[in-house]
């Protein structure tokens, strides 16, 4: 198995050191290639280093916090996957991170097995949010005229939306819909635009709130 390059960004040296050792112990392919004490430190190190496959990022940091770092990464390194590991699990933090394209969000009290699963899920499925975090996000979403928005979707777009709520890849969804992957990408982009959503997690939460799917 090829090495999975990981970065750890947290201002607490003891926690960061412990996290690095934990990550290394989870899977022999997990390689912690970079560590930083805040977002500014991380971005500066990226200037002279290849970007990792995934970064484990704290929110509360001096100089440049997790929000600012995630926003910068979205612009400078849009393909870099971000997993937030933080005690800040309030609704505002969760929604803000979604807007910045964060692929996953877990608490610092996470069990090692769930951390391993979160990293693997983000790399293979594109996103990971714990049940607790997902519940927070769903409860936070403001009521909208869901019915009117759904009525703008075609039958095939609704079919795609429902399939997107599963763990199936976009290629699998294309097979299910008997379409080419490129056509399915077109449906995805169209649904994103109509719902004003930028991530698959956002699609899932919209579908749940609209009662198109159930948890």
N, C-alpha and C. Protein backbone atom coordinates (compact mmCIF):
# COMPACT_ATOMS: atom_id res chain seq x y z
N UNK A 1 0.84 -1.20 0.00
CA UNK A 1 0.00 0.00 0.00
C UNK A 1 0.87 1.24 0.00
N UNK A 2 0.53 2.21 -0.84
CA UNK A 2 1.30 3.45 -0.89
C UNK A 2 1.12 4.24 0.40
N UNK A 3 2.16 4.97 0.76
CA UNK A 3 2.08 5.79 1.96
C UNK A 3 1.04 6.89 1.80
N UNK A 4 0.33 7.18 2.88
CA UNK A 4 -0.62 8.28 2.93
C UNK A 4 0.04 9.39 3.72
N UNK A 5 0.34 10.47 3.06
CA UNK A 5 1.06 11.57 3.71
C UNK A 5 0.09 12.47 4.48
N UNK A 6 0.41 12.70 5.74
CA UNK A 6 -0.48 13.41 6.65
C UNK A 6 0.26 14.56 7.32
N UNK A 7 -0.45 15.67 7.53
CA UNK A 7 0.09 16.80 8.28
C UNK A 7 -0.76 16.99 9.53
N UNK A 8 -0.14 17.41 10.61
CA UNK A 8 -0.83 17.67 11.87
C UNK A 8 -0.57 19.11 12.27
N UNK A 9 -1.65 19.89 12.41
CA UNK A 9 -1.50 21.31 12.76
C UNK A 9 -2.28 21.58 14.05
N UNK A 10 -1.55 21.87 15.11
CA UNK A 10 -2.15 22.13 16.42
C UNK A 10 -1.14 22.90 17.26
N UNK A 11 -1.61 23.90 17.99
CA UNK A 11 -0.67 24.75 18.73
C UNK A 11 -0.21 24.12 20.04
N UNK A 12 -0.90 23.11 20.54
CA UNK A 12 -0.50 22.46 21.79
C UNK A 12 0.54 21.38 21.48
N UNK A 13 1.78 21.64 21.85
CA UNK A 13 2.88 20.76 21.48
C UNK A 13 2.68 19.33 21.99
N UNK A 14 2.21 19.19 23.22
CA UNK A 14 2.03 17.86 23.79
C UNK A 14 0.94 17.09 23.04
N UNK A 15 -0.18 17.77 22.77
CA UNK A 15 -1.26 17.12 22.03
C UNK A 15 -0.80 16.77 20.62
N UNK A 16 -0.09 17.70 19.98
CA UNK A 16 0.39 17.46 18.61
C UNK A 16 1.32 16.26 18.55
N UNK A 17 2.23 16.19 19.53
CA UNK A 17 3.16 15.07 19.59
C UNK A 17 2.42 13.75 19.79
N UNK A 18 1.43 13.78 20.70
CA UNK A 18 0.64 12.58 20.95
C UNK A 18 -0.16 12.16 19.73
N UNK A 19 -0.73 13.14 19.02
CA UNK A 19 -1.51 12.86 17.82
C UNK A 19 -0.64 12.24 16.74
N UNK A 20 0.58 12.75 16.59
CA UNK A 20 1.50 12.21 15.58
C UNK A 20 1.81 10.74 15.88
N UNK A 21 2.10 10.44 17.14
CA UNK A 21 2.40 9.06 17.51
C UNK A 21 1.18 8.16 17.30
N UNK A 22 0.00 8.68 17.64
CA UNK A 22 -1.22 7.91 17.47
C UNK A 22 -1.47 7.61 16.00
N UNK A 23 -1.35 8.62 15.15
CA UNK A 23 -1.58 8.44 13.71
C UNK A 23 -0.64 7.38 13.14
N UNK A 24 0.61 7.45 13.53
CA UNK A 24 1.59 6.48 13.04
C UNK A 24 1.24 5.05 13.46
N UNK A 25 0.62 4.93 14.64
CA UNK A 25 0.30 3.60 15.15
C UNK A 25 -0.97 3.01 14.53
N UNK A 26 -1.77 3.84 13.88
CA UNK A 26 -3.05 3.38 13.36
C UNK A 26 -2.91 2.52 12.11
N UNK A 27 -1.92 2.85 11.28
CA UNK A 27 -1.76 2.15 10.01
C UNK A 27 -0.33 2.34 9.53
N UNK A 28 0.29 1.27 9.10
CA UNK A 28 1.69 1.35 8.68
C UNK A 28 1.88 2.25 7.46
N UNK A 29 0.79 2.52 6.73
CA UNK A 29 0.89 3.38 5.54
C UNK A 29 0.72 4.85 5.87
N UNK A 30 0.34 5.17 7.13
CA UNK A 30 0.15 6.56 7.53
C UNK A 30 1.52 7.19 7.82
N UNK A 31 1.88 8.18 7.05
CA UNK A 31 3.16 8.85 7.21
C UNK A 31 2.95 10.32 7.55
N UNK A 32 3.33 10.70 8.77
CA UNK A 32 3.21 12.11 9.18
C UNK A 32 4.42 12.85 8.63
N UNK A 33 4.19 13.56 7.53
CA UNK A 33 5.30 14.20 6.82
C UNK A 33 5.56 15.63 7.27
N UNK A 34 4.58 16.20 8.02
CA UNK A 34 4.70 17.61 8.36
C UNK A 34 3.88 17.92 9.60
N UNK A 35 4.42 18.78 10.45
CA UNK A 35 3.68 19.27 11.60
C UNK A 35 3.87 20.78 11.72
N UNK A 36 2.86 21.44 12.27
CA UNK A 36 2.94 22.90 12.41
C UNK A 36 2.15 23.33 13.63
N UNK A 37 2.51 24.52 14.17
CA UNK A 37 1.89 24.97 15.41
C UNK A 37 0.74 25.95 15.18
N UNK A 38 0.54 26.37 13.95
CA UNK A 38 -0.60 27.21 13.60
C UNK A 38 -0.72 27.26 12.08
N UNK A 39 -1.78 27.91 11.60
CA UNK A 39 -2.01 27.95 10.17
C UNK A 39 -0.92 28.64 9.38
N UNK A 40 -0.41 29.73 9.91
CA UNK A 40 0.65 30.48 9.22
C UNK A 40 1.90 29.62 9.08
N UNK A 41 2.25 28.95 10.14
CA UNK A 41 3.41 28.05 10.13
C UNK A 41 3.20 26.94 9.08
N UNK A 42 1.99 26.41 9.02
CA UNK A 42 1.68 25.34 8.07
C UNK A 42 1.79 25.82 6.62
N UNK A 43 1.18 26.96 6.33
CA UNK A 43 1.21 27.49 4.97
C UNK A 43 2.63 27.82 4.52
N UNK A 44 3.43 28.32 5.43
CA UNK A 44 4.82 28.63 5.10
C UNK A 44 5.60 27.35 4.79
N UNK A 45 5.34 26.30 5.55
CA UNK A 45 6.03 25.03 5.30
C UNK A 45 5.58 24.40 3.99
N UNK A 46 4.33 24.64 3.62
CA UNK A 46 3.82 24.09 2.35
C UNK A 46 4.52 24.72 1.15
N UNK A 47 5.05 25.92 1.32
CA UNK A 47 5.72 26.60 0.21
C UNK A 47 6.98 25.87 -0.23
N UNK A 48 7.57 25.11 0.66
CA UNK A 48 8.80 24.38 0.34
C UNK A 48 8.61 22.87 0.44
N UNK A 49 7.35 22.43 0.40
CA UNK A 49 7.06 21.00 0.54
C UNK A 49 5.88 20.62 -0.34
N UNK A 50 5.86 19.39 -0.79
CA UNK A 50 4.69 18.89 -1.50
C UNK A 50 3.54 18.81 -0.51
N UNK A 51 2.31 19.13 -0.94
CA UNK A 51 1.19 19.06 -0.01
C UNK A 51 0.90 17.63 0.40
N UNK A 52 0.46 17.42 1.63
CA UNK A 52 0.10 16.07 2.08
C UNK A 52 -1.21 15.64 1.45
N UNK A 53 -1.59 14.40 1.69
CA UNK A 53 -2.89 13.91 1.20
C UNK A 53 -4.02 14.45 2.06
N UNK A 54 -3.73 14.64 3.35
CA UNK A 54 -4.75 15.10 4.28
C UNK A 54 -4.09 15.85 5.44
N UNK A 55 -4.76 16.87 5.96
CA UNK A 55 -4.24 17.61 7.10
C UNK A 55 -5.23 17.49 8.26
N UNK A 56 -4.71 17.18 9.44
CA UNK A 56 -5.50 17.15 10.67
C UNK A 56 -5.33 18.52 11.32
N UNK A 57 -6.42 19.27 11.37
CA UNK A 57 -6.33 20.70 11.70
C UNK A 57 -7.16 21.06 12.92
N UNK A 58 -6.54 21.78 13.84
CA UNK A 58 -7.25 22.31 15.01
C UNK A 58 -7.91 23.64 14.63
N UNK A 59 -8.91 24.07 15.41
CA UNK A 59 -9.56 25.36 15.15
C UNK A 59 -8.93 26.47 15.96
N UNK A 60 -8.83 26.28 17.27
CA UNK A 60 -8.36 27.35 18.15
C UNK A 60 -6.83 27.38 18.20
N UNK A 61 -6.25 28.30 17.42
CA UNK A 61 -4.79 28.46 17.38
C UNK A 61 -4.46 29.94 17.29
N UNK A 62 -3.33 30.36 17.85
CA UNK A 62 -2.93 31.77 17.74
C UNK A 62 -2.39 32.07 16.34
N UNK A 63 -2.27 33.34 16.05
CA UNK A 63 -1.69 33.87 14.80
C UNK A 63 -2.59 33.60 13.60
N UNK A 64 -2.89 32.32 13.32
CA UNK A 64 -3.79 31.97 12.21
C UNK A 64 -4.57 30.74 12.62
N UNK A 65 -5.87 30.93 12.90
CA UNK A 65 -6.67 29.82 13.44
C UNK A 65 -7.14 28.87 12.33
N UNK A 66 -7.91 27.87 12.74
CA UNK A 66 -8.36 26.86 11.80
C UNK A 66 -9.29 27.39 10.73
N UNK A 67 -10.16 28.34 11.08
CA UNK A 67 -11.06 28.94 10.09
C UNK A 67 -10.26 29.62 8.99
N UNK A 68 -9.32 30.47 9.40
CA UNK A 68 -8.50 31.21 8.44
C UNK A 68 -7.66 30.26 7.59
N UNK A 69 -7.17 29.20 8.23
CA UNK A 69 -6.33 28.24 7.52
C UNK A 69 -7.15 27.46 6.49
N UNK A 70 -8.33 26.99 6.89
CA UNK A 70 -9.19 26.24 5.97
C UNK A 70 -9.59 27.10 4.78
N UNK A 71 -9.89 28.37 5.04
CA UNK A 71 -10.28 29.28 3.96
C UNK A 71 -9.11 29.49 2.99
N UNK A 72 -7.90 29.64 3.54
CA UNK A 72 -6.72 29.83 2.70
C UNK A 72 -6.42 28.57 1.88
N UNK A 73 -6.56 27.42 2.51
CA UNK A 73 -6.29 26.15 1.82
C UNK A 73 -7.29 25.93 0.69
N UNK A 74 -8.53 26.36 0.90
CA UNK A 74 -9.55 26.21 -0.14
C UNK A 74 -9.14 26.96 -1.40
N UNK A 75 -8.45 28.07 -1.24
CA UNK A 75 -8.02 28.88 -2.39
C UNK A 75 -6.67 28.42 -2.94
N UNK A 76 -5.73 28.11 -2.04
CA UNK A 76 -4.37 27.79 -2.47
C UNK A 76 -4.15 26.32 -2.80
N UNK A 77 -4.83 25.44 -2.07
CA UNK A 77 -4.67 24.00 -2.26
C UNK A 77 -6.04 23.33 -2.20
N UNK A 78 -6.89 23.57 -3.20
CA UNK A 78 -8.28 23.07 -3.15
C UNK A 78 -8.41 21.55 -3.12
N UNK A 79 -7.36 20.83 -3.56
CA UNK A 79 -7.42 19.37 -3.56
C UNK A 79 -6.98 18.76 -2.23
N UNK A 80 -6.42 19.58 -1.35
CA UNK A 80 -5.94 19.09 -0.06
C UNK A 80 -7.13 18.83 0.87
N UNK A 81 -7.26 17.61 1.33
CA UNK A 81 -8.39 17.25 2.19
C UNK A 81 -8.10 17.67 3.63
N UNK A 82 -9.12 18.23 4.29
CA UNK A 82 -8.96 18.75 5.65
C UNK A 82 -9.88 18.00 6.61
N UNK A 83 -9.31 17.47 7.68
CA UNK A 83 -10.08 16.87 8.76
C UNK A 83 -9.88 17.72 10.00
N UNK A 84 -10.94 18.33 10.48
CA UNK A 84 -10.87 19.13 11.70
C UNK A 84 -10.93 18.21 12.91
N UNK A 85 -9.99 18.42 13.83
CA UNK A 85 -10.01 17.70 15.12
C UNK A 85 -9.98 18.77 16.19
N UNK A 86 -11.13 19.01 16.82
CA UNK A 86 -11.23 20.16 17.72
C UNK A 86 -12.28 19.93 18.79
N UNK A 87 -12.15 20.68 19.88
CA UNK A 87 -13.18 20.67 20.93
C UNK A 87 -14.29 21.64 20.58
N UNK A 88 -14.08 22.50 19.58
CA UNK A 88 -15.10 23.48 19.16
C UNK A 88 -16.14 22.77 18.30
N UNK A 89 -17.20 22.27 18.92
CA UNK A 89 -18.22 21.55 18.17
C UNK A 89 -19.53 22.33 18.13
N UNK A 90 -19.44 23.65 18.33
CA UNK A 90 -20.66 24.45 18.27
C UNK A 90 -21.11 24.58 16.82
N UNK A 91 -22.41 24.90 16.66
CA UNK A 91 -23.01 24.92 15.33
C UNK A 91 -22.33 25.91 14.39
N UNK A 92 -21.99 27.10 14.89
CA UNK A 92 -21.39 28.11 14.03
C UNK A 92 -20.06 27.61 13.45
N UNK A 93 -19.28 26.93 14.28
CA UNK A 93 -17.99 26.41 13.81
C UNK A 93 -18.20 25.36 12.73
N UNK A 94 -19.19 24.49 12.93
CA UNK A 94 -19.44 23.42 11.97
C UNK A 94 -19.87 23.97 10.62
N UNK A 95 -20.82 24.89 10.63
CA UNK A 95 -21.32 25.46 9.39
C UNK A 95 -20.23 26.24 8.68
N UNK A 96 -19.44 26.99 9.43
CA UNK A 96 -18.37 27.78 8.83
C UNK A 96 -17.36 26.87 8.14
N UNK A 97 -17.02 25.76 8.78
CA UNK A 97 -16.07 24.83 8.19
C UNK A 97 -16.62 24.17 6.94
N UNK A 98 -17.92 23.88 6.92
CA UNK A 98 -18.54 23.33 5.72
C UNK A 98 -18.37 24.30 4.55
N UNK A 99 -18.58 25.58 4.82
CA UNK A 99 -18.46 26.59 3.77
C UNK A 99 -17.03 26.68 3.24
N UNK A 100 -16.07 26.33 4.07
CA UNK A 100 -14.67 26.40 3.65
C UNK A 100 -14.20 25.08 3.04
N UNK A 101 -15.12 24.18 2.76
CA UNK A 101 -14.77 22.95 2.05
C UNK A 101 -14.12 21.87 2.88
N UNK A 102 -14.24 21.96 4.20
CA UNK A 102 -13.66 20.94 5.07
C UNK A 102 -14.35 19.60 4.82
N UNK A 103 -13.56 18.53 4.74
CA UNK A 103 -14.09 17.22 4.39
C UNK A 103 -14.52 16.38 5.58
N UNK A 104 -14.11 16.79 6.78
CA UNK A 104 -14.48 16.01 7.95
C UNK A 104 -14.32 16.81 9.23
N UNK A 105 -15.04 16.41 10.27
CA UNK A 105 -15.03 17.15 11.52
C UNK A 105 -15.27 16.15 12.65
N UNK A 106 -14.31 16.03 13.57
CA UNK A 106 -14.45 15.13 14.73
C UNK A 106 -13.96 15.86 15.97
N UNK A 107 -14.37 15.38 17.13
CA UNK A 107 -13.95 15.97 18.39
C UNK A 107 -12.61 15.42 18.86
N UNK A 108 -11.95 16.15 19.76
CA UNK A 108 -10.66 15.70 20.27
C UNK A 108 -10.78 14.50 21.21
N UNK A 109 -12.02 14.17 21.59
CA UNK A 109 -12.23 13.00 22.44
C UNK A 109 -12.51 11.75 21.60
N UNK A 110 -12.18 11.82 20.32
CA UNK A 110 -12.42 10.73 19.39
C UNK A 110 -11.62 9.49 19.79
N UNK A 111 -12.21 8.31 19.57
CA UNK A 111 -11.51 7.06 19.81
C UNK A 111 -10.53 6.80 18.66
N UNK A 112 -9.41 6.14 18.94
CA UNK A 112 -8.43 5.87 17.87
C UNK A 112 -9.03 5.17 16.64
N UNK A 113 -9.90 4.20 16.87
CA UNK A 113 -10.49 3.48 15.73
C UNK A 113 -11.32 4.41 14.86
N UNK A 114 -12.01 5.38 15.48
CA UNK A 114 -12.82 6.30 14.68
C UNK A 114 -11.93 7.27 13.92
N UNK A 115 -10.81 7.66 14.51
CA UNK A 115 -9.87 8.54 13.81
C UNK A 115 -9.33 7.83 12.57
N UNK A 116 -8.98 6.56 12.73
CA UNK A 116 -8.49 5.77 11.60
C UNK A 116 -9.56 5.70 10.51
N UNK A 117 -10.80 5.47 10.93
CA UNK A 117 -11.91 5.37 9.97
C UNK A 117 -12.14 6.72 9.29
N UNK A 118 -12.06 7.81 10.06
CA UNK A 118 -12.29 9.14 9.51
C UNK A 118 -11.27 9.46 8.41
N UNK A 119 -10.00 9.18 8.68
CA UNK A 119 -8.96 9.43 7.69
C UNK A 119 -9.20 8.60 6.43
N UNK A 120 -9.50 7.32 6.63
CA UNK A 120 -9.72 6.42 5.49
C UNK A 120 -10.95 6.82 4.69
N UNK A 121 -12.03 7.20 5.39
CA UNK A 121 -13.27 7.58 4.72
C UNK A 121 -13.07 8.83 3.87
N UNK A 122 -12.36 9.81 4.41
CA UNK A 122 -12.13 11.04 3.66
C UNK A 122 -11.32 10.77 2.41
N UNK A 123 -10.31 9.92 2.53
CA UNK A 123 -9.45 9.62 1.39
C UNK A 123 -10.16 8.81 0.33
N UNK A 124 -11.05 7.90 0.76
CA UNK A 124 -11.70 7.01 -0.21
C UNK A 124 -13.10 7.46 -0.61
N UNK A 125 -13.86 8.03 0.32
CA UNK A 125 -15.24 8.43 0.02
C UNK A 125 -15.40 9.94 -0.15
N UNK A 126 -14.41 10.68 0.29
CA UNK A 126 -14.47 12.12 0.09
C UNK A 126 -14.88 12.93 1.30
N UNK A 127 -15.48 12.29 2.31
CA UNK A 127 -15.90 13.05 3.49
C UNK A 127 -16.14 12.12 4.67
N UNK A 128 -16.13 12.69 5.88
CA UNK A 128 -16.49 11.94 7.09
C UNK A 128 -16.92 12.91 8.18
N UNK A 129 -18.12 12.69 8.70
CA UNK A 129 -18.61 13.44 9.85
C UNK A 129 -19.19 12.44 10.83
N UNK A 130 -18.79 12.53 12.09
CA UNK A 130 -19.29 11.61 13.10
C UNK A 130 -20.79 11.79 13.26
N UNK A 131 -21.45 10.79 13.85
CA UNK A 131 -22.90 10.87 14.07
C UNK A 131 -23.25 12.09 14.91
N UNK A 132 -22.43 12.37 15.90
CA UNK A 132 -22.68 13.51 16.78
C UNK A 132 -22.60 14.82 16.00
N UNK A 133 -21.58 14.95 15.17
CA UNK A 133 -21.40 16.17 14.39
C UNK A 133 -22.52 16.31 13.37
N UNK A 134 -22.89 15.23 12.72
CA UNK A 134 -23.96 15.27 11.73
C UNK A 134 -25.26 15.72 12.36
N UNK A 135 -25.54 15.22 13.57
CA UNK A 135 -26.76 15.63 14.27
C UNK A 135 -26.74 17.14 14.54
N UNK A 136 -25.58 17.65 14.96
CA UNK A 136 -25.44 19.09 15.19
C UNK A 136 -25.75 19.87 13.91
N UNK A 137 -25.18 19.41 12.81
CA UNK A 137 -25.34 20.12 11.54
C UNK A 137 -26.79 20.12 11.08
N UNK A 138 -27.43 18.98 11.18
CA UNK A 138 -28.82 18.87 10.75
C UNK A 138 -29.71 19.79 11.58
N UNK A 139 -29.48 19.81 12.88
CA UNK A 139 -30.30 20.64 13.76
C UNK A 139 -30.05 22.13 13.56
N UNK A 140 -28.89 22.46 13.01
CA UNK A 140 -28.52 23.86 12.83
C UNK A 140 -29.11 24.47 11.56
N UNK A 141 -29.31 23.64 10.55
CA UNK A 141 -29.80 24.17 9.27
C UNK A 141 -31.10 24.93 9.46
N UNK A 142 -31.16 26.14 8.92
CA UNK A 142 -32.36 26.96 9.06
C UNK A 142 -33.44 26.46 8.12
N UNK A 143 -34.71 26.51 8.53
CA UNK A 143 -35.81 26.09 7.66
C UNK A 143 -35.84 26.94 6.39
N UNK A 144 -36.03 26.31 5.27
CA UNK A 144 -36.16 27.00 4.00
C UNK A 144 -37.36 26.45 3.27
N UNK A 145 -37.66 27.05 2.16
CA UNK A 145 -38.79 26.56 1.37
C UNK A 145 -38.32 25.35 0.58
N UNK A 146 -38.20 24.25 1.32
CA UNK A 146 -37.63 23.03 0.74
C UNK A 146 -38.43 22.57 -0.48
N UNK A 147 -39.74 22.60 -0.36
CA UNK A 147 -40.58 22.10 -1.45
C UNK A 147 -40.33 22.88 -2.73
N UNK A 148 -40.26 24.21 -2.63
CA UNK A 148 -40.03 25.03 -3.81
C UNK A 148 -38.68 24.73 -4.45
N UNK A 149 -37.66 24.49 -3.62
CA UNK A 149 -36.33 24.20 -4.14
C UNK A 149 -36.35 22.84 -4.85
N UNK A 150 -36.98 21.84 -4.23
CA UNK A 150 -37.04 20.51 -4.82
C UNK A 150 -37.74 20.55 -6.18
N UNK A 151 -38.74 21.41 -6.31
CA UNK A 151 -39.49 21.49 -7.56
C UNK A 151 -38.64 21.99 -8.72
N UNK A 152 -37.47 22.58 -8.42
CA UNK A 152 -36.58 23.03 -9.49
C UNK A 152 -35.74 21.88 -10.03
N UNK A 153 -35.72 20.76 -9.31
CA UNK A 153 -34.92 19.61 -9.72
C UNK A 153 -35.70 18.72 -10.66
N UNK A 154 -35.02 18.14 -11.63
CA UNK A 154 -35.64 17.17 -12.52
C UNK A 154 -35.71 15.82 -11.81
N UNK A 155 -36.46 14.89 -12.38
CA UNK A 155 -36.56 13.55 -11.78
C UNK A 155 -35.20 12.88 -11.70
N UNK A 156 -34.40 13.05 -12.75
CA UNK A 156 -33.08 12.42 -12.76
C UNK A 156 -32.15 13.07 -11.74
N UNK A 157 -32.30 14.38 -11.52
CA UNK A 157 -31.49 15.06 -10.52
C UNK A 157 -31.87 14.59 -9.12
N UNK A 158 -33.15 14.37 -8.89
CA UNK A 158 -33.59 13.86 -7.59
C UNK A 158 -33.07 12.43 -7.39
N UNK A 159 -33.11 11.64 -8.47
CA UNK A 159 -32.57 10.28 -8.39
C UNK A 159 -31.09 10.32 -8.02
N UNK A 160 -30.36 11.22 -8.68
CA UNK A 160 -28.93 11.38 -8.36
C UNK A 160 -28.75 11.80 -6.91
N UNK A 161 -29.55 12.76 -6.45
CA UNK A 161 -29.43 13.28 -5.09
C UNK A 161 -29.61 12.17 -4.06
N UNK A 162 -30.59 11.31 -4.27
CA UNK A 162 -30.85 10.22 -3.33
C UNK A 162 -29.68 9.23 -3.34
N UNK A 163 -29.18 8.90 -4.53
CA UNK A 163 -28.05 7.97 -4.63
C UNK A 163 -26.79 8.57 -4.02
N UNK A 164 -26.65 9.90 -4.11
CA UNK A 164 -25.47 10.57 -3.55
C UNK A 164 -25.44 10.50 -2.03
N UNK A 165 -26.57 10.17 -1.42
CA UNK A 165 -26.63 10.07 0.04
C UNK A 165 -26.14 8.71 0.54
N UNK A 166 -25.81 7.82 -0.39
CA UNK A 166 -25.27 6.52 -0.01
C UNK A 166 -23.75 6.62 0.02
N UNK A 167 -23.08 5.52 0.30
CA UNK A 167 -21.61 5.50 0.32
C UNK A 167 -21.05 5.12 -1.05
N UNK A 168 -21.92 5.05 -2.05
CA UNK A 168 -21.48 4.67 -3.38
C UNK A 168 -20.67 5.79 -4.03
N UNK A 169 -19.67 5.40 -4.81
CA UNK A 169 -18.86 6.39 -5.51
C UNK A 169 -19.66 6.97 -6.67
N UNK A 170 -19.16 8.07 -7.23
CA UNK A 170 -19.85 8.65 -8.38
C UNK A 170 -19.85 7.68 -9.57
N UNK A 171 -18.81 6.86 -9.68
CA UNK A 171 -18.78 5.85 -10.75
C UNK A 171 -19.88 4.82 -10.53
N UNK A 172 -20.05 4.41 -9.26
CA UNK A 172 -21.13 3.46 -8.93
C UNK A 172 -22.49 4.07 -9.25
N UNK A 173 -22.64 5.35 -8.91
CA UNK A 173 -23.91 6.03 -9.17
C UNK A 173 -24.18 6.09 -10.67
N UNK A 174 -23.12 6.34 -11.45
CA UNK A 174 -23.26 6.36 -12.91
C UNK A 174 -23.75 5.01 -13.42
N UNK A 175 -23.19 3.93 -12.85
CA UNK A 175 -23.63 2.59 -13.25
C UNK A 175 -25.09 2.37 -12.87
N UNK A 176 -25.47 2.80 -11.67
CA UNK A 176 -26.85 2.63 -11.22
C UNK A 176 -27.83 3.36 -12.13
N UNK A 177 -27.42 4.55 -12.59
CA UNK A 177 -28.31 5.37 -13.40
C UNK A 177 -28.16 5.08 -14.90
N UNK A 178 -27.25 4.13 -15.21
CA UNK A 178 -26.96 3.74 -16.60
C UNK A 178 -26.56 4.99 -17.40
N UNK A 179 -25.61 5.72 -16.84
CA UNK A 179 -25.12 6.94 -17.46
C UNK A 179 -23.60 6.93 -17.43
N UNK A 180 -22.99 7.81 -18.19
CA UNK A 180 -21.54 7.94 -18.14
C UNK A 180 -21.16 8.75 -16.91
N UNK A 181 -19.96 8.54 -16.34
CA UNK A 181 -19.51 9.33 -15.19
C UNK A 181 -19.56 10.83 -15.48
N UNK A 182 -19.26 11.22 -16.72
CA UNK A 182 -19.27 12.64 -17.07
C UNK A 182 -20.68 13.23 -16.97
N UNK A 183 -21.69 12.43 -17.39
CA UNK A 183 -23.07 12.89 -17.30
C UNK A 183 -23.49 13.05 -15.85
N UNK A 184 -23.07 12.10 -15.01
CA UNK A 184 -23.39 12.17 -13.59
C UNK A 184 -22.73 13.39 -12.96
N UNK A 185 -21.51 13.70 -13.38
CA UNK A 185 -20.85 14.91 -12.88
C UNK A 185 -21.64 16.15 -13.26
N UNK A 186 -22.26 16.10 -14.43
CA UNK A 186 -23.10 17.21 -14.86
C UNK A 186 -24.32 17.37 -13.96
N UNK A 187 -24.95 16.23 -13.59
CA UNK A 187 -26.07 16.28 -12.66
C UNK A 187 -25.62 16.83 -11.32
N UNK A 188 -24.45 16.38 -10.87
CA UNK A 188 -23.92 16.86 -9.58
C UNK A 188 -23.75 18.37 -9.59
N UNK A 189 -23.10 18.88 -10.63
CA UNK A 189 -22.86 20.32 -10.71
C UNK A 189 -24.17 21.11 -10.80
N UNK A 190 -25.15 20.55 -11.51
CA UNK A 190 -26.45 21.21 -11.64
C UNK A 190 -27.17 21.27 -10.29
N UNK A 191 -27.14 20.14 -9.56
CA UNK A 191 -27.79 20.09 -8.25
C UNK A 191 -27.08 21.02 -7.27
N UNK A 192 -25.75 21.02 -7.30
CA UNK A 192 -24.98 21.94 -6.45
C UNK A 192 -25.44 23.38 -6.69
N UNK A 193 -25.56 23.74 -7.96
CA UNK A 193 -25.91 25.12 -8.30
C UNK A 193 -27.33 25.46 -7.85
N UNK A 194 -28.28 24.56 -8.10
CA UNK A 194 -29.68 24.83 -7.76
C UNK A 194 -29.90 24.91 -6.25
N UNK A 195 -29.18 24.07 -5.51
CA UNK A 195 -29.34 24.04 -4.05
C UNK A 195 -28.37 24.98 -3.34
N UNK A 196 -27.45 25.59 -4.11
CA UNK A 196 -26.42 26.46 -3.54
C UNK A 196 -25.61 25.71 -2.49
N UNK A 197 -25.19 24.51 -2.88
CA UNK A 197 -24.42 23.62 -2.02
C UNK A 197 -23.11 23.30 -2.72
N UNK A 198 -22.03 23.14 -1.93
CA UNK A 198 -20.72 22.90 -2.54
C UNK A 198 -20.08 21.58 -2.15
N UNK A 199 -20.77 20.74 -1.38
CA UNK A 199 -20.16 19.49 -0.96
C UNK A 199 -21.20 18.38 -0.91
N UNK A 200 -20.71 17.15 -0.94
CA UNK A 200 -21.60 15.99 -0.89
C UNK A 200 -22.29 15.91 0.47
N UNK A 201 -21.58 16.32 1.51
CA UNK A 201 -22.19 16.35 2.84
C UNK A 201 -23.39 17.29 2.84
N UNK A 202 -23.25 18.44 2.16
CA UNK A 202 -24.36 19.37 2.07
C UNK A 202 -25.56 18.76 1.36
N UNK A 203 -25.30 17.97 0.32
CA UNK A 203 -26.39 17.28 -0.38
C UNK A 203 -27.12 16.33 0.55
N UNK A 204 -26.33 15.59 1.35
CA UNK A 204 -26.93 14.63 2.28
C UNK A 204 -27.83 15.34 3.28
N UNK A 205 -27.34 16.42 3.84
CA UNK A 205 -28.12 17.12 4.86
C UNK A 205 -29.37 17.77 4.27
N UNK A 206 -29.26 18.28 3.03
CA UNK A 206 -30.45 18.82 2.38
C UNK A 206 -31.48 17.72 2.16
N UNK A 207 -31.02 16.57 1.71
CA UNK A 207 -31.93 15.45 1.44
C UNK A 207 -32.61 14.97 2.72
N UNK A 208 -31.87 14.98 3.83
CA UNK A 208 -32.45 14.57 5.11
C UNK A 208 -33.49 15.58 5.57
N UNK A 209 -33.15 16.86 5.50
CA UNK A 209 -34.09 17.90 5.91
C UNK A 209 -35.33 17.92 5.02
N UNK A 210 -35.16 17.54 3.76
CA UNK A 210 -36.28 17.53 2.81
C UNK A 210 -37.06 16.22 2.86
N UNK A 211 -36.59 15.28 3.73
CA UNK A 211 -37.22 13.97 3.89
C UNK A 211 -37.18 13.14 2.62
N UNK A 212 -36.17 13.39 1.78
CA UNK A 212 -35.97 12.54 0.62
C UNK A 212 -35.29 11.24 1.03
N UNK A 213 -34.51 11.30 2.10
CA UNK A 213 -33.86 10.11 2.66
C UNK A 213 -33.98 10.20 4.18
N UNK A 214 -33.74 9.07 4.84
CA UNK A 214 -33.77 9.02 6.30
C UNK A 214 -32.44 8.55 6.82
N UNK A 215 -32.08 9.01 8.00
CA UNK A 215 -30.83 8.55 8.63
C UNK A 215 -30.92 7.07 8.97
